[in-house]
């Protein structure tokens, strides 16, 4: 294993830790998770990505394709949740969607990164179990694909404009 891979894994775990801290920091004291209501295009986008990743990771792990499972979780956490949905959430908070996504990511990642996911699971104030004893996620959120696509087009456009502005400087 190359030093570059180790640095990449460290950065991924650091991103996961920071995402969890962000989510926990946005919750009111005594928060108890509930099923998310999808009220925005961004919520529909995140629900779609979460549902699709759940299916992909499950199939990959069942077929012993752990690298494929890890890549799917990486993309879900870094690209879709952190870079897109959380950025949107800074102005439009949906705590139930944030906690559902975080919990699902921790469950999906647990077979690959058991120590960091278990440590984060223990930080969730509404859990009183060990992650290893929890059920495998079966995230099936009823999303509107048209709304999800609209958010994805909008966020890609914003990111492209931001990148163009950075290259001009």
C-alpha atoms as a PDB file:
ATOM      1  CA  UNK A   1       0.000   0.000   0.000  1.00  0.00           C
ATOM      2  CA  UNK A   2       1.467   3.317  -1.033  1.00  0.00           C
ATOM      3  CA  UNK A   3       1.918   6.305   1.215  1.00  0.00           C
ATOM      4  CA  UNK A   4      -0.416   8.197  -1.112  1.00  0.00           C
ATOM      5  CA  UNK A   5      -3.226   5.688  -0.413  1.00  0.00           C
ATOM      6  CA  UNK A   6      -2.711   5.985   3.340  1.00  0.00           C
ATOM      7  CA  UNK A   7      -2.930   9.783   3.091  1.00  0.00           C
ATOM      8  CA  UNK A   8      -6.125   9.415   1.039  1.00  0.00           C
ATOM      9  CA  UNK A   9      -7.692   7.121   3.638  1.00  0.00           C
ATOM     10  CA  UNK A  10      -6.724   9.522   6.406  1.00  0.00           C
ATOM     11  CA  UNK A  11      -8.296  12.420   4.516  1.00  0.00           C
ATOM     12  CA  UNK A  12     -11.471  10.402   3.987  1.00  0.00           C
ATOM     13  CA  UNK A  13     -11.746   9.564   7.693  1.00  0.00           C
ATOM     14  CA  UNK A  14     -11.097  13.212   8.534  1.00  0.00           C
ATOM     15  CA  UNK A  15     -13.879  14.262   6.131  1.00  0.00           C
ATOM     16  CA  UNK A  16     -16.258  11.755   7.738  1.00  0.00           C
ATOM     17  CA  UNK A  17     -15.383  13.051  11.198  1.00  0.00           C
ATOM     18  CA  UNK A  18     -15.943  16.678  10.127  1.00  0.00           C
ATOM     19  CA  UNK A  19     -19.262  15.827   8.481  1.00  0.00           C
ATOM     20  CA  UNK A  20     -20.439  14.119  11.669  1.00  0.00           C
ATOM     21  CA  UNK A  21     -19.376  17.118  13.749  1.00  0.00           C
ATOM     22  CA  UNK A  22     -21.254  19.449  11.397  1.00  0.00           C
ATOM     23  CA  UNK A  23     -24.440  17.361  11.582  1.00  0.00           C
ATOM     24  CA  UNK A  24     -24.287  17.020  15.365  1.00  0.00           C
ATOM     25  CA  UNK A  25     -23.595  20.740  15.709  1.00  0.00           C
ATOM     26  CA  UNK A  26     -26.799  21.579  13.825  1.00  0.00           C
ATOM     27  CA  UNK A  27     -29.090  19.564  16.076  1.00  0.00           C
ATOM     28  CA  UNK A  28     -31.030  20.970  19.005  1.00  0.00           C
ATOM     29  CA  UNK A  29     -30.456  19.488  22.456  1.00  0.00           C
ATOM     30  CA  UNK A  30     -32.488  16.326  22.923  1.00  0.00           C
ATOM     31  CA  UNK A  31     -32.966  15.824  19.184  1.00  0.00           C
ATOM     32  CA  UNK A  32     -34.526  12.484  18.297  1.00  0.00           C
ATOM     33  CA  UNK A  33     -34.326  11.392  14.633  1.00  0.00           C
ATOM     34  CA  UNK A  34     -37.458  10.868  12.618  1.00  0.00           C
ATOM     35  CA  UNK A  35     -38.160   9.829   9.064  1.00  0.00           C
ATOM     36  CA  UNK A  36     -37.154  12.733   6.853  1.00  0.00           C
ATOM     37  CA  UNK A  37     -39.696  14.835   5.005  1.00  0.00           C
ATOM     38  CA  UNK A  38     -38.366  15.782   1.598  1.00  0.00           C
ATOM     39  CA  UNK A  39     -39.204  19.467   1.331  1.00  0.00           C
ATOM     40  CA  UNK A  40     -36.633  20.727  -1.168  1.00  0.00           C
ATOM     41  CA  UNK A  41     -35.057  19.638  -4.428  1.00  0.00           C
ATOM     42  CA  UNK A  42     -31.854  19.089  -2.454  1.00  0.00           C
ATOM     43  CA  UNK A  43     -33.665  16.698  -0.100  1.00  0.00           C
ATOM     44  CA  UNK A  44     -34.926  14.704  -3.083  1.00  0.00           C
ATOM     45  CA  UNK A  45     -31.410  14.665  -4.527  1.00  0.00           C
ATOM     46  CA  UNK A  46     -29.870  13.390  -1.298  1.00  0.00           C
ATOM     47  CA  UNK A  47     -32.624  10.799  -0.856  1.00  0.00           C
ATOM     48  CA  UNK A  48     -32.004   9.492  -4.367  1.00  0.00           C
ATOM     49  CA  UNK A  49     -28.236   9.351  -3.928  1.00  0.00           C
ATOM     50  CA  UNK A  50     -28.573   7.661  -0.536  1.00  0.00           C
ATOM     51  CA  UNK A  51     -31.046   5.077  -1.823  1.00  0.00           C
ATOM     52  CA  UNK A  52     -28.949   4.296  -4.912  1.00  0.00           C
ATOM     53  CA  UNK A  53     -25.715   4.064  -2.912  1.00  0.00           C
ATOM     54  CA  UNK A  54     -27.386   1.726  -0.414  1.00  0.00           C
ATOM     55  CA  UNK A  55     -28.308  -0.665  -3.241  1.00  0.00           C
ATOM     56  CA  UNK A  56     -24.890  -0.401  -4.924  1.00  0.00           C
ATOM     57  CA  UNK A  57     -22.870  -0.917  -1.736  1.00  0.00           C
ATOM     58  CA  UNK A  58     -25.044  -3.835  -0.639  1.00  0.00           C
ATOM     59  CA  UNK A  59     -24.615  -5.605  -3.990  1.00  0.00           C
ATOM     60  CA  UNK A  60     -20.867  -4.912  -4.046  1.00  0.00           C
ATOM     61  CA  UNK A  61     -20.318  -6.286  -0.544  1.00  0.00           C
ATOM     62  CA  UNK A  62     -22.455  -9.357  -1.246  1.00  0.00           C
ATOM     63  CA  UNK A  63     -20.230 -10.001  -4.294  1.00  0.00           C
ATOM     64  CA  UNK A  64     -17.033  -9.401  -2.255  1.00  0.00           C
ATOM     65  CA  UNK A  65     -16.166  -6.316  -4.328  1.00  0.00           C
ATOM     66  CA  UNK A  66     -15.023  -4.265  -1.363  1.00  0.00           C
ATOM     67  CA  UNK A  67     -13.092  -1.724  -3.412  1.00  0.00           C
ATOM     68  CA  UNK A  68     -16.245  -0.952  -5.427  1.00  0.00           C
ATOM     69  CA  UNK A  69     -18.248  -0.628  -2.212  1.00  0.00           C
ATOM     70  CA  UNK A  70     -15.640   1.690  -0.726  1.00  0.00           C
ATOM     71  CA  UNK A  71     -15.581   3.864  -3.832  1.00  0.00           C
ATOM     72  CA  UNK A  72     -19.376   4.185  -3.780  1.00  0.00           C
ATOM     73  CA  UNK A  73     -19.321   5.245  -0.128  1.00  0.00           C
ATOM     74  CA  UNK A  74     -16.475   7.662  -0.801  1.00  0.00           C
ATOM     75  CA  UNK A  75     -18.453   9.321  -3.602  1.00  0.00           C
ATOM     76  CA  UNK A  76     -21.609   9.422  -1.487  1.00  0.00           C
ATOM     77  CA  UNK A  77     -19.870  11.015   1.485  1.00  0.00           C
ATOM     78  CA  UNK A  78     -17.458  13.373  -0.213  1.00  0.00           C
ATOM     79  CA  UNK A  79     -19.080  14.416  -3.482  1.00  0.00           C
ATOM     80  CA  UNK A  80     -22.772  14.154  -2.794  1.00  0.00           C
ATOM     81  CA  UNK A  81     -23.227  14.660   0.944  1.00  0.00           C
ATOM     82  CA  UNK A  82     -20.358  16.937   1.967  1.00  0.00           C
ATOM     83  CA  UNK A  83     -19.728  18.968  -1.181  1.00  0.00           C
ATOM     84  CA  UNK A  84     -23.325  19.317  -2.304  1.00  0.00           C
ATOM     85  CA  UNK A  85     -25.984  18.585   0.297  1.00  0.00           C
ATOM     86  CA  UNK A  86     -24.205  19.912   3.377  1.00  0.00           C
ATOM     87  CA  UNK A  87     -23.235  23.103   1.566  1.00  0.00           C
ATOM     88  CA  UNK A  88     -26.904  23.555   0.690  1.00  0.00           C
ATOM     89  CA  UNK A  89     -27.894  22.673   4.274  1.00  0.00           C
ATOM     90  CA  UNK A  90     -25.904  25.546   5.702  1.00  0.00           C
ATOM     91  CA  UNK A  91     -28.729  27.818   4.534  1.00  0.00           C
ATOM     92  CA  UNK A  92     -31.642  25.334   4.434  1.00  0.00           C
ATOM     93  CA  UNK A  93     -31.527  22.900   7.320  1.00  0.00           C
ATOM     94  CA  UNK A  94     -33.362  19.558   7.325  1.00  0.00           C
ATOM     95  CA  UNK A  95     -32.063  17.785  10.454  1.00  0.00           C
ATOM     96  CA  UNK A  96     -33.928  14.550   9.726  1.00  0.00           C
ATOM     97  CA  UNK A  97     -32.320  14.246   6.283  1.00  0.00           C
ATOM     98  CA  UNK A  98     -28.887  15.064   7.708  1.00  0.00           C
ATOM     99  CA  UNK A  99     -29.163  12.432  10.447  1.00  0.00           C
ATOM    100  CA  UNK A 100     -30.641   9.778   8.152  1.00  0.00           C
ATOM    101  CA  UNK A 101     -27.805  10.277   5.691  1.00  0.00           C
ATOM    102  CA  UNK A 102     -25.116  10.242   8.377  1.00  0.00           C
ATOM    103  CA  UNK A 103     -26.517   7.105  10.003  1.00  0.00           C
ATOM    104  CA  UNK A 104     -26.770   5.303   6.674  1.00  0.00           C
ATOM    105  CA  UNK A 105     -23.223   6.244   5.679  1.00  0.00           C
ATOM    106  CA  UNK A 106     -21.899   4.977   9.015  1.00  0.00           C
ATOM    107  CA  UNK A 107     -23.764   1.678   8.611  1.00  0.00           C
ATOM    108  CA  UNK A 108     -22.583   1.218   5.013  1.00  0.00           C
ATOM    109  CA  UNK A 109     -18.988   2.048   5.860  1.00  0.00           C
ATOM    110  CA  UNK A 110     -18.786  -0.034   9.029  1.00  0.00           C
ATOM    111  CA  UNK A 111     -17.531  -3.268   7.373  1.00  0.00           C
ATOM    112  CA  UNK A 112     -14.726  -1.303   5.715  1.00  0.00           C
ATOM    113  CA  UNK A 113     -13.787   1.147   8.488  1.00  0.00           C
ATOM    114  CA  UNK A 114     -15.122  -0.355  11.718  1.00  0.00           C
ATOM    115  CA  UNK A 115     -13.132   1.640  14.229  1.00  0.00           C
ATOM    116  CA  UNK A 116     -13.866   5.160  13.026  1.00  0.00           C
ATOM    117  CA  UNK A 117     -17.526   4.381  12.287  1.00  0.00           C
ATOM    118  CA  UNK A 118     -18.029   2.829  15.727  1.00  0.00           C
ATOM    119  CA  UNK A 119     -16.391   5.827  17.407  1.00  0.00           C
ATOM    120  CA  UNK A 120     -18.687   8.200  15.524  1.00  0.00           C
ATOM    121  CA  UNK A 121     -21.753   6.048  16.211  1.00  0.00           C
ATOM    122  CA  UNK A 122     -21.051   6.331  19.933  1.00  0.00           C
ATOM    123  CA  UNK A 123     -21.139  10.137  19.580  1.00  0.00           C
ATOM    124  CA  UNK A 124     -24.712  10.115  18.246  1.00  0.00           C
ATOM    125  CA  UNK A 125     -26.788  11.117  21.286  1.00  0.00           C
ATOM    126  CA  UNK A 126     -29.838   9.107  20.209  1.00  0.00           C
ATOM    127  CA  UNK A 127     -28.007   5.781  19.938  1.00  0.00           C
ATOM    128  CA  UNK A 128     -27.424   3.456  22.857  1.00  0.00           C
ATOM    129  CA  UNK A 129     -26.052   0.438  21.013  1.00  0.00           C
ATOM    130  CA  UNK A 130     -22.932  -0.596  19.212  1.00  0.00           C
ATOM    131  CA  UNK A 131     -22.950  -0.067  15.463  1.00  0.00           C
ATOM    132  CA  UNK A 132     -21.799  -3.626  14.841  1.00  0.00           C
ATOM    133  CA  UNK A 133     -25.083  -4.888  16.329  1.00  0.00           C
ATOM    134  CA  UNK A 134     -27.264  -2.600  14.207  1.00  0.00           C
ATOM    135  CA  UNK A 135     -29.165  -3.809  11.157  1.00  0.00           C
ATOM    136  CA  UNK A 136     -27.778  -3.236   7.673  1.00  0.00           C
ATOM    137  CA  UNK A 137     -29.466  -0.185   6.174  1.00  0.00           C
ATOM    138  CA  UNK A 138     -32.304  -0.569   3.727  1.00  0.00           C
ATOM    139  CA  UNK A 139     -32.780   3.046   2.794  1.00  0.00           C
ATOM    140  CA  UNK A 140     -35.783   3.347   0.503  1.00  0.00           C
ATOM    141  CA  UNK A 141     -36.804   6.993   0.516  1.00  0.00           C
ATOM    142  CA  UNK A 142     -39.626   8.089  -1.799  1.00  0.00           C
ATOM    143  CA  UNK A 143     -37.942  10.819  -3.819  1.00  0.00           C
ATOM    144  CA  UNK A 144     -38.998  12.740  -6.913  1.00  0.00           C
ATOM    145  CA  UNK A 145     -36.362  12.164  -9.587  1.00  0.00           C
ATOM    146  CA  UNK A 146     -37.308  15.351 -11.454  1.00  0.00           C
ATOM    147  CA  UNK A 147     -36.641  17.449  -8.343  1.00  0.00           C
ATOM    148  CA  UNK A 148     -33.405  15.576  -7.674  1.00  0.00           C
ATOM    149  CA  UNK A 149     -32.236  16.162 -11.254  1.00  0.00           C
ATOM    150  CA  UNK A 150     -33.105  19.854 -11.014  1.00  0.00           C
ATOM    151  CA  UNK A 151     -30.985  20.268  -7.871  1.00  0.00           C
ATOM    152  CA  UNK A 152     -28.116  18.349  -9.456  1.00  0.00           C
ATOM    153  CA  UNK A 153     -28.153  20.574 -12.559  1.00  0.00           C
ATOM    154  CA  UNK A 154     -28.267  23.710 -10.397  1.00  0.00           C
ATOM    155  CA  UNK A 155     -25.437  22.647  -8.096  1.00  0.00           C
ATOM    156  CA  UNK A 156     -23.229  21.560 -10.999  1.00  0.00           C
ATOM    157  CA  UNK A 157     -23.799  24.954 -12.610  1.00  0.00           C
ATOM    158  CA  UNK A 158     -22.881  26.755  -9.383  1.00  0.00           C
ATOM    159  CA  UNK A 159     -19.745  24.630  -8.975  1.00  0.00           C
ATOM    160  CA  UNK A 160     -18.750  25.300 -12.593  1.00  0.00           C
ATOM    161  CA  UNK A 161     -19.194  29.047 -12.097  1.00  0.00           C
ATOM    162  CA  UNK A 162     -17.131  28.883  -8.920  1.00  0.00           C
ATOM    163  CA  UNK A 163     -14.362  26.948 -10.684  1.00  0.00           C
ATOM    164  CA  UNK A 164     -14.383  29.428 -13.577  1.00  0.00           C
ATOM    165  CA  UNK A 165     -14.076  32.311 -11.118  1.00  0.00           C
ATOM    166  CA  UNK A 166     -11.119  30.648  -9.402  1.00  0.00           C
ATOM    167  CA  UNK A 167      -9.249  30.129 -12.673  1.00  0.00           C
ATOM    168  CA  UNK A 168      -9.654  33.808 -13.557  1.00  0.00           C
ATOM    169  CA  UNK A 169      -7.849  34.871 -10.387  1.00  0.00           C
END
